[in-house]
Amino acid sequence: MSLEANPRDASTTATTIAARDAAFAAFTGGFRLVDLTDALGPDTVLWPGAPALEIVDAVSHDSGGYHARIFTTFEHAGTHFDAPEHFVPGGADTASIGIDDLVVPAVVIDLTEKAAADANAVVEVSDIEAFEAAHGTIEAGSAVLLNSGWAHRKDSALSYAGTESTTDLRFPGFGVEATRLLVSRGVVGLGVDTLGIDPGDKPDFPVHRDVSHPAGLWHLENLINVDQLPATGSVIAVGVPRIVGGTGFPTRVFAFVSRG
């Protein structure tokens, strides 16, 4: 599947806008906000082997009358966005993804039971089918988020990543065939409450490399509070900075959830 065969063209963006408008229209009783973003700092669990955050004072209150810091980070640190360019040369970067594809309806697939039994559990086609049997077909223009329960492990690097090394990672993610099905549904993005869209035992990143990014989908990783969202009916807003050539970046993500 090539990026050229799956462009985010005007028609697909129009579908996303229509789905979002319908979701917002359903908030007849108002909405509340849910923050899906973990705080990013020296204690954040990073991908094993990723360069550490560097934070230094550039100007102090005493010397300059104001305070400013220089913050150096891996693009894929903490709660962050993956642009297709992350794995697809010439794919969309963070500067070129339109805002209409960043405020979208969300559906949440609950994998907590499977993940409790298998640290490398994946969303499979059967999970998508079971979800759709209960909630209806996943709409084009949606983002699909995974609730694996993993965010509750984030205070322990060993528990969250499953290892203290750069190999033998253990955490849940999306399976290849399930992702192909979601691409066929016309979803715009995937999100997880773990270190990566692919499960920890897939170091070759088959979903990133072969399915989702080539189809033009973006990713969100290291989300929190996904368990506070309903299975359907919420809308997420993804505030990724527009950085030319950006493969991703730490991102503020939040959800609108009906009060009804």
Protein backbone atom coordinates (compact mmCIF):
# COMPACT_ATOMS: atom_id res chain seq x y z
CA MET A 1 0.00 0.00 0.00
CA SER A 2 1.56 3.25 -1.06
CA LEU A 3 1.17 6.74 0.29
CA GLU A 4 0.24 7.90 -3.21
CA ALA A 5 -2.63 5.40 -3.27
CA ASN A 6 -4.06 6.75 -0.01
CA PRO A 7 -3.73 10.55 -0.06
CA ARG A 8 -5.41 12.73 2.54
CA ASP A 9 -7.21 14.52 -0.25
CA ALA A 10 -10.17 16.89 -0.15
CA SER A 11 -12.75 14.11 -0.17
CA THR A 12 -11.23 12.22 2.75
CA THR A 13 -10.83 15.42 4.74
CA ALA A 14 -14.47 16.28 4.02
CA THR A 15 -15.45 12.89 5.43
CA THR A 16 -13.46 13.64 8.58
CA ILE A 17 -15.13 17.05 8.95
CA ALA A 18 -18.59 15.53 8.54
CA ALA A 19 -17.86 12.86 11.15
CA ARG A 20 -16.53 15.46 13.59
CA ASP A 21 -19.52 17.78 13.05
CA ALA A 22 -21.91 14.92 13.76
CA ALA A 23 -20.03 14.04 16.95
CA PHE A 24 -20.08 17.63 18.20
CA ALA A 25 -23.78 17.95 17.33
CA ALA A 26 -24.50 15.06 19.70
CA PHE A 27 -23.15 17.05 22.67
CA THR A 28 -26.62 18.45 23.40
CA GLY A 29 -26.00 18.46 27.14
CA GLY A 30 -22.58 20.04 26.85
CA PHE A 31 -19.20 18.38 27.19
CA ARG A 32 -16.30 17.92 29.57
CA LEU A 33 -12.61 17.75 28.72
CA VAL A 34 -10.28 14.81 29.37
CA ASP A 35 -6.54 15.39 29.18
CA LEU A 36 -4.83 12.47 27.41
CA THR A 37 -1.33 13.93 27.80
CA ASP A 38 1.30 12.88 30.31
CA ALA A 39 3.64 15.54 31.71
CA LEU A 40 7.04 15.49 30.00
CA GLY A 41 10.08 15.82 32.21
CA PRO A 42 13.25 14.11 33.45
CA ASP A 43 11.27 11.21 34.95
CA THR A 44 9.29 10.41 31.77
CA VAL A 45 9.78 6.84 30.54
CA LEU A 46 11.39 7.11 27.10
CA TRP A 47 11.88 4.51 24.40
CA PRO A 48 14.88 2.45 25.57
CA GLY A 49 18.02 3.86 23.98
CA ALA A 50 16.46 7.21 23.09
CA PRO A 51 18.53 10.27 24.02
CA ALA A 52 17.62 11.77 27.36
CA LEU A 53 15.90 15.13 27.68
CA GLU A 54 18.24 18.07 28.18
CA ILE A 55 16.93 21.17 29.92
CA VAL A 56 19.17 24.15 30.66
CA ASP A 57 18.45 27.73 31.65
CA ALA A 58 19.10 30.16 28.80
CA VAL A 59 17.97 33.29 30.63
CA SER A 60 17.22 33.71 34.32
CA HIS A 61 14.90 36.09 36.12
CA ASP A 62 17.93 37.65 37.82
CA SER A 63 20.06 38.17 34.72
CA GLY A 64 17.49 38.97 32.05
CA GLY A 65 14.34 39.91 33.86
CA TYR A 66 12.53 36.85 32.55
CA HIS A 67 13.06 33.09 32.57
CA ALA A 68 13.57 30.94 29.47
CA ARG A 69 15.07 27.50 28.97
CA ILE A 70 16.59 25.48 26.14
CA PHE A 71 14.76 22.19 25.87
CA THR A 72 16.33 19.44 23.78
CA THR A 73 14.22 16.36 23.17
CA PHE A 74 13.87 13.30 20.99
CA GLU A 75 10.90 13.95 18.68
CA HIS A 76 9.19 10.82 20.02
CA ALA A 77 9.31 11.51 23.77
CA GLY A 78 6.43 11.27 26.19
CA THR A 79 2.91 11.66 24.84
CA HIS A 80 3.75 12.34 21.23
CA PHE A 81 2.63 12.34 17.62
CA ASP A 82 4.07 10.19 14.81
CA ALA A 83 3.75 11.68 11.33
CA PRO A 84 3.82 9.33 8.32
CA GLU A 85 7.32 10.64 7.49
CA HIS A 86 8.51 8.77 10.60
CA PHE A 87 8.63 5.57 8.52
CA VAL A 88 7.76 6.66 4.99
CA PRO A 89 10.35 8.74 3.10
CA GLY A 90 8.49 11.65 1.59
CA GLY A 91 5.42 11.06 3.76
CA ALA A 92 3.55 13.88 5.46
CA ASP A 93 5.53 15.69 8.15
CA THR A 94 4.11 17.47 11.19
CA ALA A 95 3.92 20.76 9.30
CA SER A 96 1.86 19.44 6.41
CA ILE A 97 -0.97 17.60 8.17
CA GLY A 98 -4.08 19.75 8.02
CA ILE A 99 -5.85 20.80 11.19
CA ASP A 100 -9.09 19.20 10.00
CA ASP A 101 -7.37 15.82 10.30
CA LEU A 102 -6.29 16.57 13.89
CA VAL A 103 -9.68 17.22 15.54
CA VAL A 104 -11.57 14.00 14.93
CA PRO A 105 -14.08 11.56 16.45
CA ALA A 106 -12.48 8.84 18.56
CA VAL A 107 -13.40 5.26 19.28
CA VAL A 108 -11.78 3.30 22.09
CA ILE A 109 -11.06 -0.41 21.95
CA ASP A 110 -10.69 -2.01 25.38
CA LEU A 111 -7.88 -4.55 25.45
CA THR A 112 -7.32 -4.55 29.22
CA GLU A 113 -8.37 -8.16 29.78
CA LYS A 114 -6.13 -9.51 27.02
CA ALA A 115 -3.24 -7.26 28.10
CA ALA A 116 -3.46 -8.47 31.70
CA ALA A 117 -2.88 -12.01 30.44
CA ASP A 118 -0.30 -11.19 27.74
CA ALA A 119 2.02 -8.19 27.91
CA ASN A 120 2.42 -8.25 24.12
CA ALA A 121 -1.30 -8.57 23.40
CA VAL A 122 -2.49 -7.05 20.12
CA VAL A 123 -5.72 -5.72 18.72
CA GLU A 124 -6.80 -8.44 16.29
CA VAL A 125 -9.45 -8.55 13.59
CA SER A 126 -11.73 -10.41 16.01
CA ASP A 127 -11.45 -7.50 18.46
CA ILE A 128 -12.51 -5.05 15.75
CA GLU A 129 -15.41 -7.30 14.77
CA ALA A 130 -16.53 -7.64 18.39
CA PHE A 131 -16.34 -3.87 18.86
CA GLU A 132 -18.38 -3.22 15.72
CA ALA A 133 -20.97 -5.81 16.72
CA ALA A 134 -21.49 -3.89 19.95
CA HIS A 135 -21.10 -0.30 18.75
CA GLY A 136 -21.56 -0.21 14.98
CA THR A 137 -19.08 0.06 12.14
CA ILE A 138 -16.10 2.32 12.87
CA GLU A 139 -16.68 5.49 10.87
CA ALA A 140 -14.33 6.88 8.28
CA GLY A 141 -12.57 9.96 9.61
CA SER A 142 -12.20 8.55 13.12
CA ALA A 143 -9.16 7.88 15.24
CA VAL A 144 -8.97 4.51 16.99
CA LEU A 145 -7.47 4.52 20.48
CA LEU A 146 -6.30 1.51 22.48
CA ASN A 147 -7.10 1.18 26.18
CA SER A 148 -4.75 -1.52 27.44
CA GLY A 149 -4.42 -0.26 31.01
CA TRP A 150 -0.71 0.33 30.43
CA ALA A 151 -0.76 4.00 31.41
CA HIS A 152 -1.15 2.94 35.03
CA ARG A 153 2.34 1.43 34.81
CA LYS A 154 4.11 4.62 33.72
CA ASP A 155 5.68 5.32 37.13
CA SER A 156 7.90 2.26 36.64
CA ALA A 157 10.11 2.06 33.57
CA LEU A 158 10.51 -1.69 34.02
CA SER A 159 6.77 -2.29 34.25
CA TYR A 160 5.92 0.10 31.41
CA ALA A 161 8.59 -1.02 28.92
CA GLY A 162 8.95 -4.58 30.21
CA THR A 163 12.75 -4.40 30.20
CA GLU A 164 15.71 -2.33 31.30
CA SER A 165 17.49 -2.95 27.98
CA THR A 166 16.82 -1.91 24.39
CA THR A 167 15.52 -5.38 23.51
CA ASP A 168 12.81 -7.72 24.80
CA LEU A 169 10.27 -4.92 25.17
CA ARG A 170 6.83 -5.95 26.39
CA PHE A 171 3.69 -3.88 25.91
CA PRO A 172 0.44 -4.18 23.92
CA GLY A 173 -0.28 -2.66 20.51
CA PHE A 174 -2.12 -3.07 17.21
CA GLY A 175 -1.82 -6.15 15.02
CA VAL A 176 -1.07 -5.94 11.31
CA GLU A 177 -4.31 -7.47 10.00
CA ALA A 178 -6.48 -5.47 12.39
CA THR A 179 -4.73 -2.31 11.23
CA ARG A 180 -5.32 -3.22 7.60
CA LEU A 181 -9.02 -3.52 8.45
CA LEU A 182 -8.99 -0.11 10.13
CA VAL A 183 -7.27 1.42 7.10
CA SER A 184 -10.05 -0.02 4.94
CA ARG A 185 -12.56 1.66 7.27
CA GLY A 186 -10.96 5.03 6.48
CA VAL A 187 -9.63 5.93 9.93
CA VAL A 188 -7.16 8.82 10.10
CA GLY A 189 -5.08 7.85 13.12
CA LEU A 190 -4.25 5.33 15.82
CA GLY A 191 -3.42 5.94 19.46
CA VAL A 192 -2.06 3.83 22.31
CA ASP A 193 -1.46 4.10 26.04
CA THR A 194 1.89 2.33 25.57
CA LEU A 195 5.34 3.08 24.16
CA GLY A 196 4.37 2.16 20.61
CA ILE A 197 1.65 1.31 18.09
CA ASP A 198 3.36 -2.02 17.38
CA PRO A 199 3.54 -4.35 20.40
CA GLY A 200 6.83 -4.63 22.26
CA ASP A 201 7.78 -7.96 20.70
CA LYS A 202 7.72 -6.55 17.14
CA PRO A 203 11.06 -4.70 16.88
CA ASP A 204 10.71 -4.47 13.10
CA PHE A 205 7.58 -2.24 13.48
CA PRO A 206 5.38 -3.98 10.88
CA VAL A 207 2.33 -1.78 11.53
CA HIS A 208 4.31 1.47 11.34
CA ARG A 209 6.39 0.37 8.37
CA ASP A 210 4.01 -1.64 6.24
CA VAL A 211 0.45 -0.56 7.03
CA SER A 212 -0.46 2.61 8.90
CA HIS A 213 2.16 5.20 7.90
CA PRO A 214 2.17 4.11 4.23
CA ALA A 215 -1.61 4.64 4.27
CA GLY A 216 -1.12 8.18 5.58
CA LEU A 217 -2.29 7.53 9.15
CA TRP A 218 -0.78 9.39 12.08
CA HIS A 219 -0.12 7.88 15.51
CA LEU A 220 -0.34 8.97 19.13
CA GLU A 221 1.77 7.12 21.68
CA ASN A 222 2.09 7.21 25.48
CA LEU A 223 -1.44 8.51 25.99
CA ILE A 224 -2.98 8.61 29.47
CA ASN A 225 -6.60 8.58 30.69
CA VAL A 226 -7.88 6.67 27.66
CA ASP A 227 -9.91 4.65 30.17
CA GLN A 228 -11.91 7.82 30.89
CA LEU A 229 -13.30 7.94 27.35
CA PRO A 230 -16.45 6.18 26.13
CA ALA A 231 -16.20 3.51 23.46
CA THR A 232 -17.72 5.96 20.95
CA GLY A 233 -18.88 9.56 20.90
CA SER A 234 -15.83 11.54 22.01
CA VAL A 235 -13.77 13.91 19.89
CA ILE A 236 -10.02 14.29 20.30
CA ALA A 237 -7.90 17.35 19.56
CA VAL A 238 -4.26 16.81 18.65
CA GLY A 239 -2.05 19.89 19.13
CA VAL A 240 1.10 18.79 17.36
CA PRO A 241 3.45 21.69 16.49
CA ARG A 242 3.92 22.48 12.79
CA ILE A 243 7.63 21.72 12.45
CA VAL A 244 9.01 21.52 8.92
CA GLY A 245 10.32 18.02 8.31
CA GLY A 246 9.07 16.87 11.71
CA THR A 247 8.73 13.10 12.07
CA GLY A 248 6.76 13.67 15.26
CA PHE A 249 6.80 15.75 18.42
CA PRO A 250 5.61 15.80 22.04
CA THR A 251 1.97 16.80 21.76
CA ARG A 252 -0.92 18.00 23.90
CA VAL A 253 -3.90 15.74 23.27
CA PHE A 254 -7.32 16.14 24.87
CA ALA A 255 -10.82 14.85 24.34
CA PHE A 256 -14.30 16.35 24.34
CA VAL A 257 -16.70 13.96 26.10
CA SER A 258 -20.47 14.40 26.33
CA ARG A 259 -21.94 15.27 29.71
CA GLY A 260 -25.11 13.47 28.67
